[in-house]
Amino acid sequence: MRTVQLTDDDVGKTVVDGDGDEVGIVSAVEHGTAYVDPDPGITTKLKTKLGWEETDDDAYPLQERAIETVSDDRIRLRSDL
C-alpha cells in the first residue's frame, strides 16, 4: 500500500470522486490530514488561494485510504469505496 503525503501545498485543490465529479475543495491540511469543504463557496475558494486556511465545522477529514491519486490541481478519490 502506498502512502500519500499531503502538505500545505495541497490546500485549494479540488477533490473529485472516482467519476471525476467535484465533491469539494481542500480547505486545510493539518498534520498530514486534508480537510475538505464539501460545498465551497467563493469565499472559501478565495481564502484558500490567499493562504488563509482554516478548519471549521463544515470541513471534513479526508482519510488517506480514500485517496486514489494526487495531481497538481486535484485529489481523486477511489471509486471502490
Protein backbone atom coordinates (compact mmCIF):
# COMPACT_ATOMS: atom_id res chain seq x y z
CA MET A 1 0.00 0.00 0.00
CA ARG A 2 1.45 3.36 -0.98
CA THR A 3 1.48 6.32 1.37
CA VAL A 4 0.06 9.70 0.35
CA GLN A 5 1.92 12.67 1.82
CA LEU A 6 -0.39 15.68 1.96
CA THR A 7 1.05 19.12 2.74
CA ASP A 8 0.01 22.77 2.79
CA ASP A 9 0.69 22.75 -0.96
CA ASP A 10 -2.49 20.69 -1.37
CA VAL A 11 -4.72 23.41 0.10
CA GLY A 12 -7.05 24.74 -2.59
CA LYS A 13 -7.05 21.57 -4.67
CA THR A 14 -10.33 20.28 -5.99
CA VAL A 15 -11.44 16.90 -4.65
CA VAL A 16 -13.21 14.69 -7.19
CA ASP A 17 -14.86 11.29 -6.89
CA GLY A 18 -13.92 8.25 -8.96
CA ASP A 19 -16.10 9.51 -11.84
CA GLY A 20 -14.39 12.91 -11.89
CA ASP A 21 -17.30 14.80 -10.32
CA GLU A 22 -16.28 17.60 -7.95
CA VAL A 23 -17.11 16.85 -4.32
CA GLY A 24 -15.27 19.66 -2.56
CA ILE A 25 -12.07 21.60 -2.04
CA VAL A 26 -9.18 21.09 0.37
CA SER A 27 -9.57 23.94 2.86
CA ALA A 28 -6.70 22.97 5.20
CA VAL A 29 -4.05 20.34 5.88
CA GLU A 30 -3.16 19.62 9.49
CA HIS A 31 -0.58 17.01 10.49
CA GLY A 32 -0.83 15.36 7.06
CA THR A 33 -4.63 15.15 7.04
CA ALA A 34 -6.56 17.12 4.42
CA TYR A 35 -9.81 18.76 5.47
CA VAL A 36 -12.38 19.04 2.70
CA ASP A 37 -15.13 21.63 2.45
CA PRO A 38 -17.84 19.69 0.58
CA ASP A 39 -19.66 22.79 -0.67
CA PRO A 40 -17.11 25.55 -1.07
CA GLY A 41 -18.42 28.99 -1.88
CA ILE A 42 -16.46 31.78 -3.48
CA THR A 43 -15.31 32.92 -0.02
CA THR A 44 -13.71 29.55 0.81
CA LYS A 45 -12.06 29.33 -2.61
CA LEU A 46 -10.66 32.85 -2.28
CA LYS A 47 -9.40 32.23 1.27
CA THR A 48 -7.55 29.08 0.23
CA LYS A 49 -5.98 30.80 -2.79
CA LEU A 50 -4.74 33.56 -0.47
CA GLY A 51 -3.38 31.07 2.03
CA TRP A 52 -5.92 32.00 4.69
CA GLU A 53 -6.69 28.40 5.53
CA GLU A 54 -8.74 27.36 8.49
CA THR A 55 -10.56 24.27 9.62
CA ASP A 56 -14.17 24.84 10.54
CA ASP A 57 -17.25 22.79 11.30
CA ASP A 58 -18.02 22.44 7.60
CA ALA A 59 -14.70 20.76 6.72
CA TYR A 60 -14.29 17.01 6.98
CA PRO A 61 -11.07 14.99 7.33
CA LEU A 62 -10.11 13.04 4.24
CA GLN A 63 -8.91 9.56 5.12
CA GLU A 64 -5.69 8.55 3.35
CA ARG A 65 -7.20 5.20 2.30
CA ALA A 66 -9.87 7.06 0.29
CA ILE A 67 -7.33 8.78 -2.00
CA GLU A 68 -6.58 7.27 -5.40
CA THR A 69 -4.26 9.95 -6.81
CA VAL A 70 -2.95 13.45 -6.12
CA SER A 71 -2.06 15.70 -9.05
CA ASP A 72 -1.04 19.34 -9.37
CA ASP A 73 -4.61 20.60 -9.16
CA ARG A 74 -6.83 17.84 -7.79
CA ILE A 75 -7.22 14.89 -5.49
CA ARG A 76 -9.10 11.92 -6.94
CA LEU A 77 -10.94 9.60 -4.57
CA ARG A 78 -11.02 5.84 -5.02
CA SER A 79 -14.09 4.61 -6.85
CA ASP A 80 -14.36 1.36 -4.87
CA LEU A 81 -15.38 2.95 -1.57
